Amino acid sequence: MACLALTVTATSTASAENVQAGVWQKDGHDFTIRAAASTSASKIATVKDPKTKVPCGASRCTRNNNGGKYTCWSGGPTDNDWLKVRWAGKTGWVAALCVDV
C-alpha cells in the first residue's frame, strides 16, 4: 500500500513596495482634502467617517512642507506640512498633522 503526502506552503506575494499608503482620521477628528497645500485652496471633500482610508496613490505619501500654515482643530497641532492624496479621481492635499498615516 502506497502512502502519498501533500505539503502545501502558503507564501505572500505582497511586499512593502506594493502596499499603498493612506491617511485616516486622527483622534476622531474630521479632515479636509484640498485642491492645493493651503487652507485657502478649494475643498475637494471633508472626511467624516473614521473608517475611511484615503490613499496617497503610492507606497509613501508625498510631502509638501512648504504649504500654507494650518491648525488642525481648536487647540490642535499647527504646522505647514501637507500630504498628497487621491480622492474621487482627483489629486488633493491634507494637513499632515491632522491625520494618521
PDB file of N, CA and C in Angstrom:
ATOM      1  N   MET A   1       0.835  -1.164   0.000  1.00  0.00           N
ATOM      2  CA  MET A   1       0.000   0.000   0.000  1.00  0.00           C
ATOM      3  C   MET A   1       0.884   1.232   0.000  1.00  0.00           C
ATOM      4  N   ALA A   2       0.643   2.135  -0.915  1.00  0.00           N
ATOM      5  CA  ALA A   2       1.433   3.360  -1.027  1.00  0.00           C
ATOM      6  C   ALA A   2       0.740   4.497  -0.281  1.00  0.00           C
ATOM      7  N   CYS A   3       1.543   5.340   0.282  1.00  0.00           N
ATOM      8  CA  CYS A   3       1.023   6.491   1.027  1.00  0.00           C
ATOM      9  C   CYS A   3       1.561   7.761   0.384  1.00  0.00           C
ATOM     10  N   LEU A   4       0.679   8.657   0.023  1.00  0.00           N
ATOM     11  CA  LEU A   4       1.079   9.924  -0.573  1.00  0.00           C
ATOM     12  C   LEU A   4       0.902  11.047   0.437  1.00  0.00           C
ATOM     13  N   ALA A   5       1.845  11.931   0.470  1.00  0.00           N
ATOM     14  CA  ALA A   5       1.751  13.099   1.355  1.00  0.00           C
ATOM     15  C   ALA A   5       1.830  14.354   0.499  1.00  0.00           C
ATOM     16  N   LEU A   6       1.005  15.281   0.790  1.00  0.00           N
ATOM     17  CA  LEU A   6       0.979  16.538   0.058  1.00  0.00           C
ATOM     18  C   LEU A   6       1.285  17.662   1.041  1.00  0.00           C
ATOM     19  N   THR A   7       2.280  18.435   0.706  1.00  0.00           N
ATOM     20  CA  THR A   7       2.633  19.573   1.554  1.00  0.00           C
ATOM     21  C   THR A   7       2.285  20.851   0.798  1.00  0.00           C
ATOM     22  N   VAL A   8       1.528  21.705   1.439  1.00  0.00           N
ATOM     23  CA  VAL A   8       1.143  22.984   0.836  1.00  0.00           C
ATOM     24  C   VAL A   8       1.805  24.092   1.633  1.00  0.00           C
ATOM     25  N   THR A   9       2.510  24.937   0.927  1.00  0.00           N
ATOM     26  CA  THR A   9       3.160  26.075   1.571  1.00  0.00           C
ATOM     27  C   THR A   9       2.541  27.350   1.043  1.00  0.00           C
ATOM     28  N   ALA A  10       2.068  28.185   1.944  1.00  0.00           N
ATOM     29  CA  ALA A  10       1.491  29.472   1.541  1.00  0.00           C
ATOM     30  C   ALA A  10       2.568  30.532   1.616  1.00  0.00           C
ATOM     31  N   THR A  11       2.656  31.330   0.565  1.00  0.00           N
ATOM     32  CA  THR A  11       3.591  32.442   0.571  1.00  0.00           C
ATOM     33  C   THR A  11       2.841  33.708   0.208  1.00  0.00           C
ATOM     34  N   SER A  12       3.324  34.786   0.700  1.00  0.00           N
ATOM     35  CA  SER A  12       2.709  36.075   0.406  1.00  0.00           C
ATOM     36  C   SER A  12       3.463  36.728  -0.735  1.00  0.00           C
ATOM     37  N   THR A  13       2.732  37.203  -1.728  1.00  0.00           N
ATOM     38  CA  THR A  13       3.367  37.887  -2.844  1.00  0.00           C
ATOM     39  C   THR A  13       3.400  39.392  -2.630  1.00  0.00           C
ATOM     40  N   ALA A  14       2.763  39.874  -1.584  1.00  0.00           N
ATOM     41  CA  ALA A  14       2.767  41.312  -1.317  1.00  0.00           C
ATOM     42  C   ALA A  14       4.083  41.681  -0.652  1.00  0.00           C
ATOM     43  N   SER A  15       4.593  42.823  -1.028  1.00  0.00           N
ATOM     44  CA  SER A  15       5.794  43.334  -0.387  1.00  0.00           C
ATOM     45  C   SER A  15       5.511  44.754   0.077  1.00  0.00           C
ATOM     46  N   ALA A  16       6.397  45.290   0.868  1.00  0.00           N
ATOM     47  CA  ALA A  16       6.206  46.652   1.385  1.00  0.00           C
ATOM     48  C   ALA A  16       6.119  47.657   0.245  1.00  0.00           C
ATOM     49  N   GLU A  17       6.773  47.364  -0.883  1.00  0.00           N
ATOM     50  CA  GLU A  17       6.747  48.292  -2.005  1.00  0.00           C
ATOM     51  C   GLU A  17       5.393  48.315  -2.701  1.00  0.00           C
ATOM     52  N   ASN A  18       4.596  47.257  -2.547  1.00  0.00           N
ATOM     53  CA  ASN A  18       3.305  47.172  -3.218  1.00  0.00           C
ATOM     54  C   ASN A  18       2.150  47.658  -2.348  1.00  0.00           C
ATOM     55  N   VAL A  19       2.426  47.984  -1.106  1.00  0.00           N
ATOM     56  CA  VAL A  19       1.389  48.429  -0.198  1.00  0.00           C
ATOM     57  C   VAL A  19       1.154  49.913  -0.411  1.00  0.00           C
ATOM     58  N   GLN A  20      -0.094  50.267  -0.621  1.00  0.00           N
ATOM     59  CA  GLN A  20      -0.423  51.666  -0.864  1.00  0.00           C
ATOM     60  C   GLN A  20      -0.618  52.390   0.459  1.00  0.00           C
ATOM     61  N   ALA A  21       0.083  53.488   0.620  1.00  0.00           N
ATOM     62  CA  ALA A  21      -0.037  54.288   1.836  1.00  0.00           C
ATOM     63  C   ALA A  21      -1.358  55.051   1.812  1.00  0.00           C
ATOM     64  N   GLY A  22      -1.790  55.469   2.976  1.00  0.00           N
ATOM     65  CA  GLY A  22      -3.020  56.241   3.065  1.00  0.00           C
ATOM     66  C   GLY A  22      -3.097  57.008   4.370  1.00  0.00           C
ATOM     67  N   VAL A  23      -4.131  57.812   4.480  1.00  0.00           N
ATOM     68  CA  VAL A  23      -4.355  58.612   5.687  1.00  0.00           C
ATOM     69  C   VAL A  23      -5.775  58.383   6.181  1.00  0.00           C
ATOM     70  N   TRP A  24      -5.995  58.618   7.470  1.00  0.00           N
ATOM     71  CA  TRP A  24      -7.319  58.474   8.072  1.00  0.00           C
ATOM     72  C   TRP A  24      -7.415  59.404   9.262  1.00  0.00           C
ATOM     73  N   GLN A  25      -8.606  59.484   9.849  1.00  0.00           N
ATOM     74  CA  GLN A  25      -8.849  60.398  10.958  1.00  0.00           C
ATOM     75  C   GLN A  25      -7.858  60.213  12.097  1.00  0.00           C
ATOM     76  N   LYS A  26      -7.500  61.322  12.704  1.00  0.00           N
ATOM     77  CA  LYS A  26      -6.641  61.305  13.885  1.00  0.00           C
ATOM     78  C   LYS A  26      -7.487  61.683  15.092  1.00  0.00           C
ATOM     79  N   ASP A  27      -7.501  60.825  16.081  1.00  0.00           N
ATOM     80  CA  ASP A  27      -8.225  61.089  17.331  1.00  0.00           C
ATOM     81  C   ASP A  27      -9.694  61.446  17.113  1.00  0.00           C
ATOM     82  N   GLY A  28     -10.311  60.873  16.052  1.00  0.00           N
ATOM     83  CA  GLY A  28     -11.731  61.083  15.796  1.00  0.00           C
ATOM     84  C   GLY A  28     -12.088  62.425  15.180  1.00  0.00           C
ATOM     85  N   HIS A  29     -11.099  63.161  14.688  1.00  0.00           N
ATOM     86  CA  HIS A  29     -11.362  64.468  14.078  1.00  0.00           C
ATOM     87  C   HIS A  29     -11.537  64.338  12.563  1.00  0.00           C
ATOM     88  N   ASP A  30     -12.572  64.980  12.020  1.00  0.00           N
ATOM     89  CA  ASP A  30     -12.755  65.050  10.569  1.00  0.00           C
ATOM     90  C   ASP A  30     -11.546  65.766   9.963  1.00  0.00           C
ATOM     91  N   PHE A  31     -11.276  65.494   8.673  1.00  0.00           N
ATOM     92  CA  PHE A  31     -10.219  66.239   7.986  1.00  0.00           C
ATOM     93  C   PHE A  31     -10.665  66.590   6.575  1.00  0.00           C
ATOM     94  N   THR A  32     -10.055  67.629   6.041  1.00  0.00           N
ATOM     95  CA  THR A  32     -10.431  68.165   4.738  1.00  0.00           C
ATOM     96  C   THR A  32      -9.351  67.873   3.709  1.00  0.00           C
ATOM     97  N   ILE A  33      -9.804  67.473   2.521  1.00  0.00           N
ATOM     98  CA  ILE A  33      -8.913  67.296   1.378  1.00  0.00           C
ATOM     99  C   ILE A  33      -9.061  68.560   0.531  1.00  0.00           C
ATOM    100  N   ARG A  34      -7.934  69.197   0.225  1.00  0.00           N
ATOM    101  CA  ARG A  34      -7.960  70.456  -0.528  1.00  0.00           C
ATOM    102  C   ARG A  34      -7.249  70.311  -1.865  1.00  0.00           C
ATOM    103  N   ALA A  35      -7.575  71.200  -2.797  1.00  0.00           N
ATOM    104  CA  ALA A  35      -7.019  71.161  -4.145  1.00  0.00           C
ATOM    105  C   ALA A  35      -5.533  71.530  -4.170  1.00  0.00           C
ATOM    106  N   ALA A  36      -5.061  72.250  -3.183  1.00  0.00           N
ATOM    107  CA  ALA A  36      -3.650  72.630  -3.069  1.00  0.00           C
ATOM    108  C   ALA A  36      -3.276  72.597  -1.588  1.00  0.00           C
ATOM    109  N   ALA A  37      -1.992  72.680  -1.307  1.00  0.00           N
ATOM    110  CA  ALA A  37      -1.490  72.603   0.068  1.00  0.00           C
ATOM    111  C   ALA A  37      -1.653  73.937   0.784  1.00  0.00           C
ATOM    112  N   SER A  38      -2.911  74.337   0.976  1.00  0.00           N
ATOM    113  CA  SER A  38      -3.212  75.610   1.617  1.00  0.00           C
ATOM    114  C   SER A  38      -4.645  75.595   2.130  1.00  0.00           C
ATOM    115  N   THR A  39      -4.885  76.229   3.269  1.00  0.00           N
ATOM    116  CA  THR A  39      -6.246  76.299   3.797  1.00  0.00           C
ATOM    117  C   THR A  39      -7.136  77.199   2.961  1.00  0.00           C
ATOM    118  N   SER A  40      -6.531  78.030   2.105  1.00  0.00           N
ATOM    119  CA  SER A  40      -7.339  78.881   1.230  1.00  0.00           C
ATOM    120  C   SER A  40      -7.703  78.183  -0.083  1.00  0.00           C
ATOM    121  N   ALA A  41      -7.133  77.017  -0.353  1.00  0.00           N
ATOM    122  CA  ALA A  41      -7.459  76.251  -1.564  1.00  0.00           C
ATOM    123  C   ALA A  41      -8.861  75.657  -1.441  1.00  0.00           C
ATOM    124  N   SER A  42      -9.494  75.431  -2.576  1.00  0.00           N
ATOM    125  CA  SER A  42     -10.853  74.884  -2.563  1.00  0.00           C
ATOM    126  C   SER A  42     -10.880  73.483  -1.955  1.00  0.00           C
ATOM    127  N   LYS A  43     -12.011  73.170  -1.305  1.00  0.00           N
ATOM    128  CA  LYS A  43     -12.196  71.860  -0.680  1.00  0.00           C
ATOM    129  C   LYS A  43     -12.627  70.849  -1.742  1.00  0.00           C
ATOM    130  N   ILE A  44     -11.993  69.694  -1.725  1.00  0.00           N
ATOM    131  CA  ILE A  44     -12.414  68.581  -2.562  1.00  0.00           C
ATOM    132  C   ILE A  44     -13.425  67.746  -1.784  1.00  0.00           C
ATOM    133  N   ALA A  45     -13.139  67.516  -0.495  1.00  0.00           N
ATOM    134  CA  ALA A  45     -14.028  66.720   0.359  1.00  0.00           C
ATOM    135  C   ALA A  45     -13.639  66.918   1.818  1.00  0.00           C
ATOM    136  N   THR A  46     -14.593  66.627   2.701  1.00  0.00           N
ATOM    137  CA  THR A  46     -14.316  66.534   4.126  1.00  0.00           C
ATOM    138  C   THR A  46     -14.623  65.109   4.542  1.00  0.00           C
ATOM    139  N   VAL A  47     -13.651  64.438   5.135  1.00  0.00           N
ATOM    140  CA  VAL A  47     -13.807  63.041   5.532  1.00  0.00           C
ATOM    141  C   VAL A  47     -14.316  62.996   6.966  1.00  0.00           C
ATOM    142  N   LYS A  48     -15.530  62.465   7.122  1.00  0.00           N
ATOM    143  CA  LYS A  48     -16.190  62.416   8.424  1.00  0.00           C
ATOM    144  C   LYS A  48     -16.267  61.009   9.002  1.00  0.00           C
ATOM    145  N   ASP A  49     -16.081  59.995   8.163  1.00  0.00           N
ATOM    146  CA  ASP A  49     -16.183  58.597   8.589  1.00  0.00           C
ATOM    147  C   ASP A  49     -14.837  58.113   9.126  1.00  0.00           C
ATOM    148  N   PRO A  50     -14.764  57.720  10.400  1.00  0.00           N
ATOM    149  CA  PRO A  50     -13.483  57.283  10.970  1.00  0.00           C
ATOM    150  C   PRO A  50     -12.928  56.010  10.332  1.00  0.00           C
ATOM    151  N   LYS A  51     -13.721  55.277   9.579  1.00  0.00           N
ATOM    152  CA  LYS A  51     -13.253  54.051   8.931  1.00  0.00           C
ATOM    153  C   LYS A  51     -12.703  54.299   7.525  1.00  0.00           C
ATOM    154  N   THR A  52     -12.815  55.527   7.036  1.00  0.00           N
ATOM    155  CA  THR A  52     -12.377  55.835   5.675  1.00  0.00           C
ATOM    156  C   THR A  52     -10.874  56.058   5.631  1.00  0.00           C
ATOM    157  N   LYS A  53     -10.200  55.296   4.751  1.00  0.00           N
ATOM    158  CA  LYS A  53      -8.776  55.481   4.494  1.00  0.00           C
ATOM    159  C   LYS A  53      -8.648  56.113   3.113  1.00  0.00           C
ATOM    160  N   VAL A  54      -7.977  57.239   3.044  1.00  0.00           N
ATOM    161  CA  VAL A  54      -7.771  57.949   1.789  1.00  0.00           C
ATOM    162  C   VAL A  54      -6.380  57.595   1.277  1.00  0.00           C
ATOM    163  N   PRO A  55      -6.278  56.990   0.091  1.00  0.00           N
ATOM    164  CA  PRO A  55      -4.971  56.564  -0.416  1.00  0.00           C
ATOM    165  C   PRO A  55      -4.093  57.727  -0.870  1.00  0.00           C
ATOM    166  N   CYS A  56      -2.802  57.527  -0.702  1.00  0.00           N
ATOM    167  CA  CYS A  56      -1.830  58.514  -1.181  1.00  0.00           C
ATOM    168  C   CYS A  56      -1.496  58.286  -2.647  1.00  0.00           C
ATOM    169  N   GLY A  57      -1.785  57.109  -3.164  1.00  0.00           N
ATOM    170  CA  GLY A  57      -1.510  56.828  -4.573  1.00  0.00           C
ATOM    171  C   GLY A  57      -0.133  56.229  -4.806  1.00  0.00           C
ATOM    172  N   ALA A  58       0.611  55.979  -3.738  1.00  0.00           N
ATOM    173  CA  ALA A  58       1.949  55.393  -3.848  1.00  0.00           C
ATOM    174  C   ALA A  58       2.249  54.645  -2.550  1.00  0.00           C
ATOM    175  N   SER A  59       3.414  54.013  -2.502  1.00  0.00           N
ATOM    176  CA  SER A  59       3.782  53.286  -1.293  1.00  0.00           C
ATOM    177  C   SER A  59       4.146  54.229  -0.149  1.00  0.00           C
ATOM    178  N   ARG A  60       4.436  55.483  -0.478  1.00  0.00           N
ATOM    179  CA  ARG A  60       4.698  56.512   0.528  1.00  0.00           C
ATOM    180  C   ARG A  60       3.928  57.764   0.141  1.00  0.00           C
ATOM    181  N   CYS A  61       3.515  58.509   1.126  1.00  0.00           N
ATOM    182  CA  CYS A  61       2.809  59.761   0.863  1.00  0.00           C
ATOM    183  C   CYS A  61       3.806  60.858   0.508  1.00  0.00           C
ATOM    184  N   THR A  62       3.533  61.572  -0.581  1.00  0.00           N
ATOM    185  CA  THR A  62       4.372  62.702  -0.979  1.00  0.00           C
ATOM    186  C   THR A  62       4.084  63.870  -0.045  1.00  0.00           C
ATOM    187  N   ARG A  63       5.139  64.514   0.430  1.00  0.00           N
ATOM    188  CA  ARG A  63       5.003  65.615   1.381  1.00  0.00           C
ATOM    189  C   ARG A  63       5.269  66.951   0.701  1.00  0.00           C
ATOM    190  N   ASN A  64       4.636  67.983   1.226  1.00  0.00           N
ATOM    191  CA  ASN A  64       4.920  69.361   0.843  1.00  0.00           C
ATOM    192  C   ASN A  64       5.010  70.139   2.152  1.00  0.00           C
ATOM    193  N   ASN A  65       6.231  70.345   2.634  1.00  0.00           N
ATOM    194  CA  ASN A  65       6.365  71.055   3.900  1.00  0.00           C
ATOM    195  C   ASN A  65       6.580  72.549   3.713  1.00  0.00           C
ATOM    196  N   ASN A  66       6.209  73.042   2.539  1.00  0.00           N
ATOM    197  CA  ASN A  66       6.219  74.478   2.273  1.00  0.00           C
ATOM    198  C   ASN A  66       4.814  74.977   1.982  1.00  0.00           C
ATOM    199  N   GLY A  67       3.821  74.195   2.364  1.00  0.00           N
ATOM    200  CA  GLY A  67       2.432  74.599   2.129  1.00  0.00           C
ATOM    201  C   GLY A  67       1.997  75.674   3.115  1.00  0.00           C
ATOM    202  N   GLY A  68       0.746  76.030   3.032  1.00  0.00           N
ATOM    203  CA  GLY A  68       0.204  77.040   3.921  1.00  0.00           C
ATOM    204  C   GLY A  68       0.092  76.551   5.354  1.00  0.00           C
ATOM    205  N   LYS A  69       0.175  77.457   6.288  1.00  0.00           N
ATOM    206  CA  LYS A  69       0.071  77.124   7.706  1.00  0.00           C
ATOM    207  C   LYS A  69      -1.370  76.757   8.054  1.00  0.00           C
ATOM    208  N   TYR A  70      -1.520  75.809   8.963  1.00  0.00           N
ATOM    209  CA  TYR A  70      -2.850  75.356   9.389  1.00  0.00           C
ATOM    210  C   TYR A  70      -2.838  75.042  10.872  1.00  0.00           C
ATOM    211  N   THR A  71      -4.039  74.995  11.452  1.00  0.00           N
ATOM    212  CA  THR A  71      -4.274  74.457  12.787  1.00  0.00           C
ATOM    213  C   THR A  71      -5.323  73.380  12.611  1.00  0.00           C
ATOM    214  N   CYS A  72      -5.025  72.168  13.099  1.00  0.00           N
ATOM    215  CA  CYS A  72      -5.900  71.020  12.838  1.00  0.00           C
ATOM    216  C   CYS A  72      -7.310  71.199  13.398  1.00  0.00           C
ATOM    217  N   TRP A  73      -7.419  71.563  14.638  1.00  0.00           N
ATOM    218  CA  TRP A  73      -8.697  71.790  15.307  1.00  0.00           C
ATOM    219  C   TRP A  73      -8.399  72.713  16.472  1.00  0.00           C
ATOM    220  N   SER A  74      -9.396  73.232  17.093  1.00  0.00           N
ATOM    221  CA  SER A  74      -9.187  74.157  18.205  1.00  0.00           C
ATOM    222  C   SER A  74      -8.276  73.526  19.261  1.00  0.00           C
ATOM    223  N   GLY A  75      -7.119  74.111  19.467  1.00  0.00           N
ATOM    224  CA  GLY A  75      -6.150  73.579  20.419  1.00  0.00           C
ATOM    225  C   GLY A  75      -5.297  72.462  19.863  1.00  0.00           C
ATOM    226  N   GLY A  76      -5.490  72.127  18.596  1.00  0.00           N
ATOM    227  CA  GLY A  76      -4.744  71.034  17.967  1.00  0.00           C
ATOM    228  C   GLY A  76      -3.419  71.488  17.396  1.00  0.00           C
ATOM    229  N   PRO A  77      -2.704  70.558  16.761  1.00  0.00           N
ATOM    230  CA  PRO A  77      -1.389  70.868  16.192  1.00  0.00           C
ATOM    231  C   PRO A  77      -1.458  71.929  15.097  1.00  0.00           C
ATOM    232  N   THR A  78      -0.364  72.660  14.952  1.00  0.00           N
ATOM    233  CA  THR A  78      -0.215  73.684  13.923  1.00  0.00           C
ATOM    234  C   THR A  78       1.075  73.409  13.153  1.00  0.00           C
ATOM    235  N   ASP A  79       1.024  73.529  11.825  1.00  0.00           N
ATOM    236  CA  ASP A  79       2.212  73.283  11.004  1.00  0.00           C
ATOM    237  C   ASP A  79       1.946  73.789   9.586  1.00  0.00           C
ATOM    238  N   ASN A  80       2.886  73.505   8.669  1.00  0.00           N
ATOM    239  CA  ASN A  80       2.701  73.814   7.252  1.00  0.00           C
ATOM    240  C   ASN A  80       3.065  72.617   6.373  1.00  0.00           C
ATOM    241  N   ASP A  81       3.044  71.412   6.939  1.00  0.00           N
ATOM    242  CA  ASP A  81       3.391  70.173   6.253  1.00  0.00           C
ATOM    243  C   ASP A  81       2.110  69.501   5.740  1.00  0.00           C
ATOM    244  N   TRP A  82       2.063  69.175   4.446  1.00  0.00           N
ATOM    245  CA  TRP A  82       0.881  68.601   3.801  1.00  0.00           C
ATOM    246  C   TRP A  82       1.238  67.284   3.129  1.00  0.00           C
ATOM    247  N   LEU A  83       0.235  66.412   2.938  1.00  0.00           N
ATOM    248  CA  LEU A  83       0.407  65.122   2.271  1.00  0.00           C
ATOM    249  C   LEU A  83      -0.490  65.050   1.042  1.00  0.00           C
ATOM    250  N   LYS A  84       0.058  64.539  -0.047  1.00  0.00           N
ATOM    251  CA  LYS A  84      -0.694  64.389  -1.304  1.00  0.00           C
ATOM    252  C   LYS A  84      -1.512  63.109  -1.253  1.00  0.00           C
ATOM    253  N   VAL A  85      -2.804  63.194  -1.621  1.00  0.00           N
ATOM    254  CA  VAL A  85      -3.705  62.038  -1.616  1.00  0.00           C
ATOM    255  C   VAL A  85      -4.506  61.992  -2.915  1.00  0.00           C
ATOM    256  N   ARG A  86      -5.216  60.879  -3.111  1.00  0.00           N
ATOM    257  CA  ARG A  86      -6.129  60.717  -4.258  1.00  0.00           C
ATOM    258  C   ARG A  86      -7.530  60.503  -3.711  1.00  0.00           C
ATOM    259  N   TRP A  87      -8.509  61.240  -4.253  1.00  0.00           N
ATOM    260  CA  TRP A  87      -9.892  61.113  -3.810  1.00  0.00           C
ATOM    261  C   TRP A  87     -10.811  61.343  -4.999  1.00  0.00           C
ATOM    262  N   ALA A  88     -11.672  60.403  -5.270  1.00  0.00           N
ATOM    263  CA  ALA A  88     -12.660  60.519  -6.355  1.00  0.00           C
ATOM    264  C   ALA A  88     -12.005  60.937  -7.673  1.00  0.00           C
ATOM    265  N   GLY A  89     -10.851  60.329  -7.969  1.00  0.00           N
ATOM    266  CA  GLY A  89     -10.158  60.604  -9.225  1.00  0.00           C
ATOM    267  C   GLY A  89      -9.401  61.920  -9.252  1.00  0.00           C
ATOM    268  N   LYS A  90      -9.333  62.609  -8.138  1.00  0.00           N
ATOM    269  CA  LYS A  90      -8.635  63.896  -8.072  1.00  0.00           C
ATOM    270  C   LYS A  90      -7.437  63.805  -7.133  1.00  0.00           C
ATOM    271  N   THR A  91      -6.434  64.614  -7.422  1.00  0.00           N
ATOM    272  CA  THR A  91      -5.300  64.751  -6.520  1.00  0.00           C
ATOM    273  C   THR A  91      -5.618  65.869  -5.549  1.00  0.00           C
ATOM    274  N   GLY A  92      -5.348  65.625  -4.273  1.00  0.00           N
ATOM    275  CA  GLY A  92      -5.611  66.627  -3.257  1.00  0.00           C
ATOM    276  C   GLY A  92      -4.529  66.619  -2.195  1.00  0.00           C
ATOM    277  N   TRP A  93      -4.708  67.481  -1.212  1.00  0.00           N
ATOM    278  CA  TRP A  93      -3.737  67.633  -0.124  1.00  0.00           C
ATOM    279  C   TRP A  93      -4.453  67.643   1.206  1.00  0.00           C
ATOM    280  N   VAL A  94      -3.866  67.001   2.205  1.00  0.00           N
ATOM    281  CA  VAL A  94      -4.390  67.025   3.578  1.00  0.00           C
ATOM    282  C   VAL A  94      -3.286  67.527   4.509  1.00  0.00           C
ATOM    283  N   ALA A  95      -3.689  68.217   5.546  1.00  0.00           N
ATOM    284  CA  ALA A  95      -2.758  68.714   6.549  1.00  0.00           C
ATOM    285  C   ALA A  95      -2.146  67.527   7.292  1.00  0.00           C
ATOM    286  N   ALA A  96      -0.822  67.385   7.238  1.00  0.00           N
ATOM    287  CA  ALA A  96      -0.152  66.178   7.714  1.00  0.00           C
ATOM    288  C   ALA A  96      -0.372  65.877   9.200  1.00  0.00           C
ATOM    289  N   LEU A  97      -0.373  66.875  10.040  1.00  0.00           N
ATOM    290  CA  LEU A  97      -0.526  66.616  11.477  1.00  0.00           C
ATOM    291  C   LEU A  97      -1.974  66.390  11.880  1.00  0.00           C
ATOM    292  N   CYS A  98      -2.912  66.565  10.953  1.00  0.00           N
ATOM    293  CA  CYS A  98      -4.339  66.402  11.253  1.00  0.00           C
ATOM    294  C   CYS A  98      -4.844  64.992  10.959  1.00  0.00           C
ATOM    295  N   VAL A  99      -3.967  64.123  10.444  1.00  0.00           N
ATOM    296  CA  VAL A  99      -4.353  62.763  10.083  1.00  0.00           C
ATOM    297  C   VAL A  99      -3.314  61.775  10.596  1.00  0.00           C
ATOM    298  N   ASP A 100      -3.726  60.500  10.674  1.00  0.00           N
ATOM    299  CA  ASP A 100      -2.795  59.415  10.916  1.00  0.00           C
ATOM    300  C   ASP A 100      -2.432  58.821   9.567  1.00  0.00           C
ATOM    301  N   VAL A 101      -1.211  58.318   9.440  1.00  0.00           N
ATOM    302  CA  VAL A 101      -0.723  57.780   8.177  1.00  0.00           C
ATOM    303  C   VAL A 101      -0.444  56.296   8.337  1.00  0.00           C
TER     304      VAL A 101
END
